[in-house]
Amino acid sequence: MTKRVQIVLAVLLIAVAGVVVWQVLMGREPVYQGRSVDSWLGDLTVSNGIMRSSHYSEDAAALKQIGPNAVPFIFRKLRQNDSLLQNKYRDAWPNLPDFVHRFLPQPKPIAFNSSWAGNALACCGTNATRMVIDKLNDENPAVREAAWWAVSSFFAEYSISTNETISLCLAALKDDDAMVRVRATISLGRIGRAASNAVPALIPLLSAREAGRGPSERVFVRANAARILGLIGPAASNAIPALTNLMVTGDSYVRVSAAVALWQITSNENLVLPVIISELPSFDKYVKQTPIDALKEMGPRAKAAFPLLVSELHCTEDAKLRGAITNALKAIDPDAAAKAGVE
């Protein structure tokens, strides 16, 4: 046997041994009703783009039954689909010469992303909290995103103390990944006024970059930071200059987010009302409720917005939005609302 063959065989044996060791360390994949975790995850991702609509479906219920034992396999599936090397290959492949395409396979799109993984982790229950927190600083940004998705959407509310949540968020607000920063702000939003210690770390996000990991993906870091500062309230007064600047320089969504935050911090309707009135008509119905609720809070001081709200009421058939507009109109001027036929 030549030396070269011996080297090749040695490398193969090491590789096989590595796979075996890895499988032993991972353990046997849990099974529920005869199906593996990977099988249940596959159903969840194809049933709907984001699993929230099927959170109580049979698939999500299966993950709940498997519990924390499913966590390593959720992260494994995410790593298999969304790694730095794979994404570089996906980005590079379209720009490679045609003759190279003949030899290299076209990369497959991500079939299991961080949002799906985050929702799957949340299905595993609060007993999985510590296992998920351990991944908040993982080197893979997709893993960090998924872990923060679970923490911000579920675990922080039920199984993590306020002090620990703030501590974890303060570190994440400096993360290179925009989605991680947004998810950390969402966790702080659940704490509200008690998160005042985070104000100095939130202010720089008002001018942060918003490029996501995907091509042309935008992550709304600035608007989310503004929203959380508003929820913190007057204790976020140090953010007033940056929010005032953002209310002028940002796009429509960012401008209104900054305006609502300034209202919540300063209670100065004169500062923000013109911006809300100007931008509200162009807003998507799914984000209109926040500024409308702010107008409700202003009450009679938002009288200048009354005609706009009446127009908005006539233009929408969305029951939830109509309810918010109706409540705002009654809070601003109950007599005028009655005359306008608002019930």
Protein backbone atom coordinates (compact mmCIF):
# COMPACT_ATOMS: atom_id res chain seq x y z
CA MET A 1 0.00 0.00 0.00
CA THR A 2 1.49 3.31 -1.06
CA LYS A 3 1.95 6.17 1.35
CA ARG A 4 -0.60 8.28 -0.57
CA VAL A 5 -3.27 5.57 -0.23
CA GLN A 6 -2.49 5.27 3.47
CA ILE A 7 -2.98 9.00 3.92
CA VAL A 8 -6.29 8.94 2.04
CA LEU A 9 -7.55 6.01 4.13
CA ALA A 10 -6.48 7.77 7.32
CA VAL A 11 -8.38 10.92 6.33
CA LEU A 12 -11.47 8.88 5.51
CA LEU A 13 -11.30 7.06 8.84
CA ILE A 14 -10.97 10.35 10.70
CA ALA A 15 -13.94 11.77 8.80
CA VAL A 16 -16.08 8.70 9.54
CA ALA A 17 -15.03 8.79 13.18
CA GLY A 18 -15.97 12.46 13.33
CA VAL A 19 -19.43 11.75 11.96
CA VAL A 20 -19.94 8.92 14.44
CA VAL A 21 -18.79 11.07 17.37
CA TRP A 22 -21.01 13.93 16.23
CA GLN A 23 -24.03 11.62 16.02
CA VAL A 24 -23.32 10.23 19.49
CA LEU A 25 -22.98 13.72 20.93
CA MET A 26 -26.20 14.82 19.28
CA GLY A 27 -28.02 11.75 20.49
CA ARG A 28 -30.83 10.00 18.74
CA GLU A 29 -33.35 12.34 17.17
CA PRO A 30 -36.57 12.36 19.23
CA VAL A 31 -39.65 10.79 17.70
CA TYR A 32 -43.30 11.66 18.35
CA GLN A 33 -46.14 9.62 16.88
CA GLY A 34 -43.62 7.81 14.72
CA ARG A 35 -42.16 10.96 13.19
CA SER A 36 -38.83 12.67 13.82
CA VAL A 37 -38.29 16.30 14.78
CA ASP A 38 -37.01 17.00 11.28
CA SER A 39 -40.22 15.62 9.80
CA TRP A 40 -42.42 17.81 12.00
CA LEU A 41 -40.29 20.84 11.18
CA GLY A 42 -40.67 20.13 7.48
CA ASP A 43 -44.44 20.22 7.80
CA LEU A 44 -44.35 23.45 9.76
CA THR A 45 -42.31 25.25 7.15
CA VAL A 46 -44.48 24.21 4.24
CA SER A 47 -47.85 24.71 5.94
CA ASN A 48 -47.45 28.47 5.97
CA GLY A 49 -44.61 30.92 5.47
CA ILE A 50 -44.42 31.82 9.16
CA MET A 51 -45.64 29.35 11.71
CA ARG A 52 -47.69 31.73 13.83
CA SER A 53 -50.84 30.84 11.91
CA SER A 54 -50.29 27.16 12.72
CA HIS A 55 -48.89 27.63 16.22
CA TYR A 56 -51.62 25.41 17.67
CA SER A 57 -51.63 22.96 14.82
CA GLU A 58 -50.75 19.29 15.12
CA ASP A 59 -47.19 20.06 14.02
CA ALA A 60 -46.56 22.71 16.68
CA ALA A 61 -48.28 20.53 19.28
CA ALA A 62 -45.84 17.74 18.44
CA LEU A 63 -42.86 20.02 19.14
CA LYS A 64 -44.48 21.02 22.41
CA GLN A 65 -44.74 17.35 23.37
CA ILE A 66 -41.12 16.68 22.44
CA GLY A 67 -40.12 19.80 24.37
CA PRO A 68 -36.47 20.79 25.03
CA ASN A 69 -35.19 17.58 23.43
CA ALA A 70 -36.12 19.09 20.06
CA VAL A 71 -33.95 22.19 20.52
CA PRO A 72 -30.58 20.78 19.30
CA PHE A 73 -32.25 19.38 16.19
CA ILE A 74 -34.00 22.67 15.40
CA PHE A 75 -30.65 24.43 15.51
CA ARG A 76 -29.07 21.61 13.49
CA LYS A 77 -31.66 22.00 10.72
CA LEU A 78 -31.13 25.76 10.71
CA ARG A 79 -27.35 25.37 10.41
CA GLN A 80 -27.83 22.92 7.55
CA ASN A 81 -29.90 25.50 5.66
CA ASP A 82 -28.41 28.83 6.66
CA SER A 83 -24.67 28.95 7.21
CA LEU A 84 -22.10 31.58 6.24
CA LEU A 85 -20.44 29.27 3.72
CA GLN A 86 -23.74 28.26 2.10
CA ASN A 87 -24.89 31.86 1.83
CA LYS A 88 -21.62 32.95 0.24
CA TYR A 89 -22.08 30.16 -2.31
CA ARG A 90 -25.68 31.27 -2.95
CA ASP A 91 -24.53 34.85 -3.47
CA ALA A 92 -21.58 33.93 -5.68
CA TRP A 93 -23.21 31.30 -7.93
CA PRO A 94 -25.20 33.65 -10.22
CA ASN A 95 -22.02 35.60 -11.01
CA LEU A 96 -19.92 32.58 -11.90
CA PRO A 97 -19.06 31.90 -15.57
CA ASP A 98 -21.33 29.52 -17.48
CA PHE A 99 -18.64 26.88 -17.82
CA VAL A 100 -18.34 26.78 -14.02
CA HIS A 101 -22.10 26.22 -13.73
CA ARG A 102 -21.65 22.98 -15.64
CA PHE A 103 -19.58 21.56 -12.82
CA LEU A 104 -21.12 23.17 -9.75
CA PRO A 105 -24.72 22.51 -8.72
CA GLN A 106 -27.08 25.45 -8.40
CA PRO A 107 -27.52 26.21 -4.70
CA LYS A 108 -30.91 25.51 -3.16
CA PRO A 109 -32.82 28.37 -1.52
CA ILE A 110 -33.05 28.43 2.27
CA ALA A 111 -35.77 25.93 3.20
CA PHE A 112 -35.69 26.58 6.94
CA ASN A 113 -34.91 30.11 8.04
CA SER A 114 -34.34 31.84 11.37
CA SER A 115 -37.94 32.97 11.82
CA TRP A 116 -39.26 29.43 11.32
CA ALA A 117 -36.62 28.12 13.69
CA GLY A 118 -37.48 30.80 16.26
CA ASN A 119 -41.14 29.89 16.21
CA ALA A 120 -40.26 26.19 16.45
CA LEU A 121 -38.10 26.92 19.49
CA ALA A 122 -40.97 28.79 21.12
CA CYS A 123 -43.13 25.69 20.64
CA CYS A 124 -40.72 23.73 22.81
CA GLY A 125 -41.87 25.53 25.95
CA THR A 126 -40.19 27.52 28.69
CA ASN A 127 -38.17 24.51 29.86
CA ALA A 128 -36.09 25.11 26.75
CA THR A 129 -35.25 28.69 27.76
CA ARG A 130 -31.70 28.07 29.00
CA MET A 131 -30.82 25.98 25.96
CA VAL A 132 -31.95 28.81 23.72
CA ILE A 133 -30.20 31.54 25.73
CA ASP A 134 -26.95 29.62 25.31
CA LYS A 135 -27.20 30.31 21.55
CA LEU A 136 -27.73 34.08 21.78
CA ASN A 137 -24.01 34.61 21.13
CA ASP A 138 -23.53 31.85 18.57
CA GLU A 139 -21.09 32.59 15.74
CA ASN A 140 -23.80 31.85 13.15
CA PRO A 141 -26.04 34.95 12.78
CA ALA A 142 -29.00 32.78 11.73
CA VAL A 143 -28.75 30.88 15.01
CA ARG A 144 -28.56 34.14 16.97
CA GLU A 145 -31.58 35.47 15.11
CA ALA A 146 -33.60 32.32 15.84
CA ALA A 147 -32.64 32.33 19.51
CA TRP A 148 -33.58 35.98 19.86
CA TRP A 149 -36.81 35.37 17.94
CA ALA A 150 -37.83 32.81 20.57
CA VAL A 151 -36.69 34.99 23.47
CA SER A 152 -38.41 38.12 22.24
CA SER A 153 -41.66 36.47 21.19
CA PHE A 154 -42.20 34.11 24.10
CA PHE A 155 -39.54 33.26 26.65
CA ALA A 156 -38.75 36.75 27.91
CA GLU A 157 -42.35 37.24 28.95
CA TYR A 158 -42.65 34.04 30.94
CA SER A 159 -39.32 32.70 32.10
CA ILE A 160 -36.61 35.38 32.17
CA SER A 161 -36.35 38.05 34.84
CA THR A 162 -36.44 41.73 33.93
CA ASN A 163 -32.84 42.27 35.02
CA GLU A 164 -31.56 39.31 33.01
CA THR A 165 -33.55 40.36 29.95
CA ILE A 166 -32.08 43.87 30.08
CA SER A 167 -28.57 42.48 30.51
CA LEU A 168 -28.95 40.16 27.52
CA CYS A 169 -30.47 42.92 25.41
CA LEU A 170 -27.76 45.47 26.16
CA ALA A 171 -25.18 43.11 24.67
CA ALA A 172 -27.39 42.27 21.67
CA LEU A 173 -28.03 45.93 20.80
CA LYS A 174 -24.38 46.05 19.66
CA ASP A 175 -24.66 42.91 17.51
CA ASP A 176 -23.48 43.08 13.90
CA ASP A 177 -26.72 41.46 12.76
CA ALA A 178 -29.58 43.93 12.27
CA MET A 179 -32.31 41.38 13.02
CA VAL A 180 -30.68 40.47 16.33
CA ARG A 181 -30.71 44.15 17.29
CA VAL A 182 -34.38 44.47 16.39
CA ARG A 183 -35.32 41.36 18.36
CA ALA A 184 -33.47 42.72 21.37
CA THR A 185 -35.43 45.97 21.15
CA ILE A 186 -38.66 43.98 21.00
CA SER A 187 -37.69 42.20 24.22
CA LEU A 188 -37.07 45.58 25.84
CA GLY A 189 -40.48 46.69 24.62
CA ARG A 190 -42.09 43.99 26.71
CA ILE A 191 -40.44 45.54 29.76
CA GLY A 192 -41.46 49.11 28.89
CA ARG A 193 -40.64 51.82 31.42
CA ALA A 194 -38.50 49.45 33.50
CA ALA A 195 -36.02 49.32 30.61
CA SER A 196 -34.86 52.92 31.14
CA ASN A 197 -31.27 51.74 31.71
CA ALA A 198 -31.18 50.73 28.05
CA VAL A 199 -31.80 54.27 26.72
CA PRO A 200 -28.09 55.08 26.10
CA ALA A 201 -27.72 51.85 24.10
CA LEU A 202 -30.92 52.47 22.12
CA ILE A 203 -30.11 56.01 20.97
CA PRO A 204 -27.31 54.93 18.55
CA LEU A 205 -29.79 52.60 16.84
CA LEU A 206 -31.75 55.65 15.65
CA SER A 207 -28.99 56.15 13.08
CA ALA A 208 -27.96 52.53 12.63
CA ARG A 209 -27.60 50.70 9.34
CA GLU A 210 -30.61 48.57 8.40
CA ALA A 211 -29.22 46.11 5.88
CA GLY A 212 -30.30 42.55 6.57
CA ARG A 213 -28.50 39.38 5.59
CA GLY A 214 -30.63 38.75 2.52
CA PRO A 215 -30.23 40.56 -0.81
CA SER A 216 -31.78 44.05 -0.57
CA GLU A 217 -33.30 43.07 2.80
CA ARG A 218 -34.13 45.97 5.08
CA VAL A 219 -34.57 45.48 8.82
CA PHE A 220 -36.40 48.34 10.54
CA VAL A 221 -33.86 48.98 13.27
CA ARG A 222 -34.47 52.73 13.58
CA ALA A 223 -38.26 52.57 13.74
CA ASN A 224 -38.14 49.78 16.31
CA ALA A 225 -35.64 51.65 18.45
CA ALA A 226 -37.88 54.72 18.32
CA ARG A 227 -40.89 52.66 19.30
CA ILE A 228 -39.14 51.20 22.35
CA LEU A 229 -37.88 54.61 23.46
CA GLY A 230 -41.47 55.80 23.30
CA LEU A 231 -42.62 52.90 25.44
CA ILE A 232 -39.97 53.77 28.02
CA GLY A 233 -41.53 57.23 28.16
CA PRO A 234 -40.20 60.39 29.86
CA ALA A 235 -37.16 58.51 31.17
CA ALA A 236 -35.96 58.42 27.54
CA SER A 237 -35.70 62.22 27.35
CA ASN A 238 -32.03 62.00 26.33
CA ALA A 239 -33.25 60.60 23.01
CA ILE A 240 -35.30 63.71 22.15
CA PRO A 241 -32.63 65.35 19.90
CA ALA A 242 -32.02 62.16 17.91
CA LEU A 243 -35.76 61.45 17.58
CA THR A 244 -36.44 65.03 16.47
CA ASN A 245 -33.78 64.68 13.79
CA LEU A 246 -35.20 61.33 12.70
CA MET A 247 -38.67 62.84 12.42
CA VAL A 248 -37.26 65.12 9.73
CA THR A 249 -34.74 62.93 7.94
CA GLY A 250 -36.34 59.48 8.01
CA ASP A 251 -38.75 57.90 5.54
CA SER A 252 -42.50 57.89 6.21
CA TYR A 253 -42.55 54.90 8.56
CA VAL A 254 -39.51 56.09 10.50
CA ARG A 255 -40.82 59.66 10.70
CA VAL A 256 -44.11 58.58 12.25
CA SER A 257 -42.39 56.11 14.60
CA ALA A 258 -40.18 58.96 15.83
CA ALA A 259 -43.18 61.28 16.14
CA VAL A 260 -45.16 58.79 18.23
CA ALA A 261 -42.12 58.21 20.44
CA LEU A 262 -41.66 61.94 20.96
CA TRP A 263 -45.31 62.26 21.95
CA GLN A 264 -44.94 59.46 24.49
CA ILE A 265 -41.80 61.05 25.91
CA THR A 266 -42.74 64.75 25.85
CA SER A 267 -46.57 64.89 25.65
CA ASN A 268 -46.01 67.77 23.21
CA GLU A 269 -48.63 67.34 20.51
CA ASN A 270 -47.51 70.47 18.65
CA LEU A 271 -44.16 68.84 17.96
CA VAL A 272 -45.53 65.66 16.39
CA LEU A 273 -49.10 66.20 15.20
CA PRO A 274 -48.17 67.72 11.81
CA VAL A 275 -45.99 64.73 10.98
CA ILE A 276 -48.68 62.18 11.89
CA ILE A 277 -51.34 64.04 9.90
CA SER A 278 -49.03 64.33 6.90
CA GLU A 279 -47.86 60.72 6.80
CA LEU A 280 -50.86 58.70 8.03
CA PRO A 281 -52.74 58.50 4.69
CA SER A 282 -49.81 56.76 2.98
CA PHE A 283 -49.40 54.17 5.73
CA ASP A 284 -50.20 50.50 5.24
CA LYS A 285 -53.25 49.50 7.27
CA TYR A 286 -51.16 47.08 9.32
CA VAL A 287 -49.08 49.90 10.84
CA LYS A 288 -51.68 52.64 11.10
CA GLN A 289 -53.02 51.69 14.50
CA THR A 290 -50.01 52.91 16.50
CA PRO A 291 -50.22 56.55 15.33
CA ILE A 292 -54.02 56.42 15.58
CA ASP A 293 -53.73 55.24 19.18
CA ALA A 294 -51.38 58.18 19.80
CA LEU A 295 -54.04 60.54 18.45
CA LYS A 296 -56.52 58.94 20.83
CA GLU A 297 -54.16 59.59 23.74
CA MET A 298 -53.90 63.25 22.71
CA GLY A 299 -57.66 63.57 22.94
CA PRO A 300 -58.97 67.10 22.27
CA ARG A 301 -55.42 68.27 21.58
CA ALA A 302 -55.50 66.24 18.35
CA LYS A 303 -58.52 68.13 16.98
CA ALA A 304 -56.60 69.04 13.81
CA ALA A 305 -56.52 65.32 12.95
CA PHE A 306 -60.30 64.85 13.26
CA PRO A 307 -61.16 65.34 9.53
CA LEU A 308 -58.37 62.97 8.52
CA LEU A 309 -59.64 60.28 10.88
CA VAL A 310 -63.18 60.61 9.53
CA SER A 311 -61.79 60.14 6.04
CA GLU A 312 -59.79 57.14 7.19
CA LEU A 313 -62.91 55.63 8.73
CA HIS A 314 -64.76 55.85 5.43
CA CYS A 315 -61.83 54.37 3.51
CA THR A 316 -61.21 51.19 5.49
CA GLU A 317 -63.20 48.02 5.98
CA ASP A 318 -60.77 46.49 8.45
CA ALA A 319 -62.76 45.94 11.65
CA LYS A 320 -59.82 46.34 14.02
CA LEU A 321 -58.65 49.54 12.38
CA ARG A 322 -62.17 50.94 12.28
CA GLY A 323 -62.45 50.29 16.00
CA ALA A 324 -59.20 52.18 16.67
CA ILE A 325 -60.30 55.13 14.52
CA THR A 326 -63.73 55.22 16.18
CA ASN A 327 -62.17 55.29 19.64
CA ALA A 328 -59.79 58.06 18.60
CA LEU A 329 -62.61 60.20 17.16
CA LYS A 330 -64.65 59.85 20.34
CA ALA A 331 -61.66 60.74 22.48
CA ILE A 332 -60.86 63.84 20.40
CA ASP A 333 -64.40 65.25 20.09
CA PRO A 334 -67.30 63.05 21.21
CA ASP A 335 -69.96 65.54 20.08
CA ALA A 336 -68.47 65.94 16.61
CA ALA A 337 -68.06 62.18 16.39
CA ALA A 338 -71.74 61.68 17.17
CA LYS A 339 -72.74 64.25 14.55
CA ALA A 340 -70.55 62.44 12.04
CA GLY A 341 -72.43 59.23 12.71
CA VAL A 342 -69.58 57.54 14.55
CA GLU A 343 -71.00 54.83 16.77
